[in-house]
Amino acid sequence: MEVFNGFAIKEVFTSFMVLFAVIDIIGSVPIVVSLQQKFGQIEAGRASVTAGLIMIVFLFVGNKILKFIGVDVNSFAIAGAFVIFIIALEMILGIEINKTTEAKSASIVPIAFPLVAGAGTLTTTLSLRAEFHDINIICGIILNTIFVYLVLKSAKWIEMKMGEASLAILQKVFGIILLAISIKLFTANFAQLVQNYFNF
């Protein structure tokens, strides 16, 4: 019961939206369709569950790794803010800063990792821990896992209905939201670092 004491709908929604924007599974629909054509049917359930488990495990193990190397959560959150900032720029400007290696298999690689649970997503997951309760982040991850599953199951239909132009516009909108989130994440954690340094 103690775990659920920190449950808050607002934090769940924010965690979901931040991760949703970073994962950008809607914007990745053309990639998913391309992989389906290249490798055949993608196992949506297997890929989405694996991605969700990777994110949840990293949420807890990642913090222990940080403690082991002597890095505090606020510093990591600031680093995460820079990663999110770069991802947002990619989405808004339509450029590719971090090039993805060519896929050699489907479902787990490259769908679950690194398309869904990539470096940006994992960094964001741990960065959120500096602001929100674990149970709310886990709920956000689970909701995203469900959404990823639904998108993977209907990727061809989504691309056909929305078209490339609509997908591109949606990507830019989420890019702007992500940019604002990265700035907020940076300022909040930078202020906390300064406060800790001067022992206010």
Protein backbone atom coordinates (compact mmCIF):
# COMPACT_ATOMS: atom_id res chain seq x y z
CA MET A 1 0.00 0.00 0.00
CA GLU A 2 2.93 2.32 0.69
CA VAL A 3 3.89 2.24 -3.00
CA PHE A 4 0.47 3.54 -4.02
CA ASN A 5 0.55 6.46 -1.56
CA GLY A 6 2.42 8.53 -4.13
CA PHE A 7 -0.07 7.81 -6.93
CA ALA A 8 -1.22 10.98 -8.72
CA ILE A 9 -3.21 11.17 -11.96
CA LYS A 10 -1.46 14.40 -12.99
CA GLU A 11 1.99 12.80 -12.65
CA VAL A 12 0.82 9.70 -14.54
CA PHE A 13 -0.50 11.87 -17.38
CA THR A 14 2.67 14.00 -17.52
CA SER A 15 4.92 10.91 -17.46
CA PHE A 16 2.82 9.34 -20.20
CA MET A 17 2.95 12.46 -22.39
CA VAL A 18 6.71 13.00 -21.94
CA LEU A 19 7.51 9.37 -22.79
CA PHE A 20 4.93 9.39 -25.61
CA ALA A 21 6.65 12.37 -27.19
CA VAL A 22 10.14 10.88 -26.78
CA ILE A 23 9.16 7.42 -28.08
CA ASP A 24 7.28 9.10 -30.97
CA ILE A 25 5.79 5.79 -32.12
CA ILE A 26 3.32 7.62 -34.43
CA GLY A 27 6.22 9.36 -36.17
CA SER A 28 7.96 5.98 -36.44
CA VAL A 29 5.05 4.38 -38.35
CA PRO A 30 6.84 4.69 -41.75
CA ILE A 31 9.88 2.91 -40.25
CA VAL A 32 7.66 0.15 -38.80
CA VAL A 33 5.92 -0.33 -42.17
CA SER A 34 9.31 -0.48 -43.91
CA LEU A 35 10.52 -3.13 -41.44
CA GLN A 36 7.34 -5.15 -41.98
CA GLN A 37 7.95 -5.13 -45.72
CA LYS A 38 11.57 -6.16 -45.20
CA PHE A 39 11.24 -8.80 -42.48
CA GLY A 40 7.57 -9.82 -42.63
CA GLN A 41 5.07 -9.68 -39.76
CA ILE A 42 6.34 -7.91 -36.62
CA GLU A 43 5.34 -9.47 -33.29
CA ALA A 44 3.63 -6.41 -31.77
CA GLY A 45 3.00 -8.01 -28.36
CA ARG A 46 6.54 -9.27 -27.94
CA ALA A 47 8.11 -6.00 -29.08
CA SER A 48 5.95 -3.72 -26.91
CA VAL A 49 6.19 -5.86 -23.74
CA THR A 50 9.98 -6.14 -24.13
CA ALA A 51 10.29 -2.36 -24.56
CA GLY A 52 8.11 -1.76 -21.49
CA LEU A 53 10.17 -4.16 -19.37
CA ILE A 54 13.43 -2.53 -20.49
CA MET A 55 12.12 0.88 -19.41
CA ILE A 56 10.83 -0.36 -16.02
CA VAL A 57 14.06 -2.25 -15.25
CA PHE A 58 16.18 0.76 -16.19
CA LEU A 59 14.01 2.97 -13.97
CA PHE A 60 15.35 1.08 -10.93
CA VAL A 61 18.71 -0.33 -12.05
CA GLY A 62 19.72 2.95 -13.71
CA ASN A 63 19.61 4.79 -10.39
CA LYS A 64 21.87 2.18 -8.76
CA ILE A 65 24.33 2.54 -11.62
CA LEU A 66 24.36 6.30 -11.05
CA LYS A 67 25.09 5.84 -7.34
CA PHE A 68 27.87 3.39 -8.17
CA ILE A 69 29.62 5.90 -10.45
CA GLY A 70 28.88 8.81 -8.09
CA VAL A 71 26.43 10.82 -10.18
CA ASP A 72 23.33 12.35 -8.54
CA VAL A 73 19.86 12.18 -10.08
CA ASN A 74 19.67 15.95 -10.66
CA SER A 75 22.87 15.94 -12.72
CA PHE A 76 21.61 12.98 -14.74
CA ALA A 77 18.26 14.72 -15.25
CA ILE A 78 20.08 17.75 -16.67
CA ALA A 79 21.99 15.46 -19.04
CA GLY A 80 18.64 13.90 -19.94
CA ALA A 81 17.22 17.36 -20.63
CA PHE A 82 19.97 17.90 -23.23
CA VAL A 83 19.18 14.54 -24.86
CA ILE A 84 15.46 15.38 -24.99
CA PHE A 85 16.37 18.82 -26.39
CA ILE A 86 18.32 17.19 -29.24
CA ILE A 87 15.49 14.73 -29.97
CA ALA A 88 13.06 17.66 -30.07
CA LEU A 89 15.29 19.51 -32.56
CA GLU A 90 15.37 16.39 -34.76
CA MET A 91 11.57 16.24 -34.71
CA ILE A 92 11.03 19.96 -35.37
CA LEU A 93 13.74 20.55 -37.97
CA GLY A 94 13.45 17.17 -39.67
CA ILE A 95 17.16 16.42 -39.27
CA GLU A 96 18.93 13.28 -38.07
CA ILE A 97 21.62 13.97 -35.47
CA ASN A 98 21.76 10.44 -34.04
CA LYS A 99 21.90 7.99 -36.95
CA THR A 100 20.28 4.60 -36.37
CA THR A 101 22.18 1.50 -37.48
CA GLU A 102 20.65 -0.62 -40.22
CA ALA A 103 18.17 -3.18 -38.96
CA LYS A 104 19.17 -6.86 -39.17
CA SER A 105 16.09 -8.31 -37.48
CA ALA A 106 12.61 -7.28 -36.42
CA SER A 107 10.41 -7.23 -33.25
CA ILE A 108 12.97 -7.11 -30.41
CA VAL A 109 15.71 -5.43 -32.46
CA PRO A 110 15.21 -2.77 -33.70
CA ILE A 111 11.54 -2.26 -32.67
CA ALA A 112 11.72 -2.80 -28.89
CA PHE A 113 15.31 -1.57 -28.78
CA PRO A 114 16.34 1.00 -29.89
CA LEU A 115 13.22 2.29 -31.72
CA VAL A 116 10.94 2.33 -28.64
CA ALA A 117 13.24 1.88 -25.63
CA GLY A 118 16.24 3.73 -27.04
CA ALA A 119 18.86 5.90 -25.37
CA GLY A 120 16.57 8.94 -25.34
CA THR A 121 13.67 7.01 -23.80
CA LEU A 122 15.82 5.39 -21.10
CA THR A 123 17.47 8.70 -20.23
CA THR A 124 14.05 10.37 -20.04
CA THR A 125 12.68 7.57 -17.84
CA LEU A 126 15.42 8.08 -15.28
CA SER A 127 15.20 11.87 -15.57
CA LEU A 128 11.51 11.73 -14.67
CA ARG A 129 12.47 9.97 -11.44
CA ALA A 130 14.02 13.22 -10.24
CA GLU A 131 10.55 14.81 -10.37
CA PHE A 132 7.87 12.11 -10.02
CA HIS A 133 7.00 9.11 -7.85
CA ASP A 134 8.01 5.69 -9.23
CA ILE A 135 4.46 4.32 -9.39
CA ASN A 136 3.34 7.22 -11.61
CA ILE A 137 6.26 6.73 -14.02
CA ILE A 138 5.54 2.98 -14.16
CA CYS A 139 1.89 3.73 -14.99
CA GLY A 140 3.08 6.11 -17.73
CA ILE A 141 5.35 3.37 -19.11
CA ILE A 142 2.54 0.78 -19.07
CA LEU A 143 0.15 3.16 -20.88
CA ASN A 144 2.81 3.84 -23.50
CA THR A 145 3.47 0.10 -23.86
CA ILE A 146 -0.24 -0.45 -24.59
CA PHE A 147 -0.27 2.42 -27.08
CA VAL A 148 2.90 1.12 -28.79
CA TYR A 149 1.23 -2.29 -29.13
CA LEU A 150 -1.86 -0.77 -30.75
CA VAL A 151 0.22 1.29 -33.18
CA LEU A 152 2.42 -1.68 -34.14
CA LYS A 153 -0.69 -3.79 -34.80
CA SER A 154 -2.21 -1.13 -37.06
CA ALA A 155 0.88 0.61 -38.51
CA LYS A 156 -0.09 0.15 -42.17
CA TRP A 157 -3.65 1.38 -41.54
CA ILE A 158 -2.40 4.49 -39.66
CA GLU A 159 0.03 5.41 -42.44
CA MET A 160 -2.67 4.93 -45.08
CA LYS A 161 -5.24 7.02 -43.18
CA MET A 162 -2.99 9.86 -42.00
CA GLY A 163 -0.56 10.17 -44.88
CA GLU A 164 3.04 11.38 -44.75
CA ALA A 165 2.10 15.08 -44.49
CA SER A 166 -0.11 14.58 -41.40
CA LEU A 167 2.53 12.39 -39.72
CA ALA A 168 5.18 15.06 -40.36
CA ILE A 169 2.97 17.80 -38.83
CA LEU A 170 2.20 15.64 -35.78
CA GLN A 171 5.91 14.97 -35.32
CA LYS A 172 6.70 18.70 -35.29
CA VAL A 173 3.91 19.44 -32.79
CA PHE A 174 5.24 16.83 -30.36
CA GLY A 175 8.74 18.15 -31.02
CA ILE A 176 7.74 21.60 -29.75
CA ILE A 177 6.08 20.06 -26.67
CA LEU A 178 9.22 18.02 -26.03
CA LEU A 179 11.40 21.12 -26.38
CA ALA A 180 9.38 22.92 -23.69
CA ILE A 181 9.59 19.85 -21.43
CA SER A 182 13.38 19.66 -21.82
CA ILE A 183 13.74 23.34 -20.82
CA LYS A 184 11.52 22.82 -17.77
CA LEU A 185 13.47 19.70 -16.78
CA PHE A 186 16.76 21.57 -17.09
CA THR A 187 15.71 24.66 -15.11
CA ALA A 188 14.08 22.66 -12.28
CA ASN A 189 17.07 20.36 -11.77
CA PHE A 190 19.66 23.10 -12.26
CA ALA A 191 17.94 25.14 -9.54
CA GLN A 192 18.02 22.08 -7.26
CA LEU A 193 21.73 21.57 -7.91
CA VAL A 194 22.50 25.20 -7.10
CA GLN A 195 20.39 24.95 -3.95
CA ASN A 196 22.23 21.80 -2.84
CA TYR A 197 25.62 23.35 -3.61
CA PHE A 198 25.02 26.43 -1.50
CA ASN A 199 23.06 24.41 1.13
CA PHE A 200 20.06 26.74 1.03
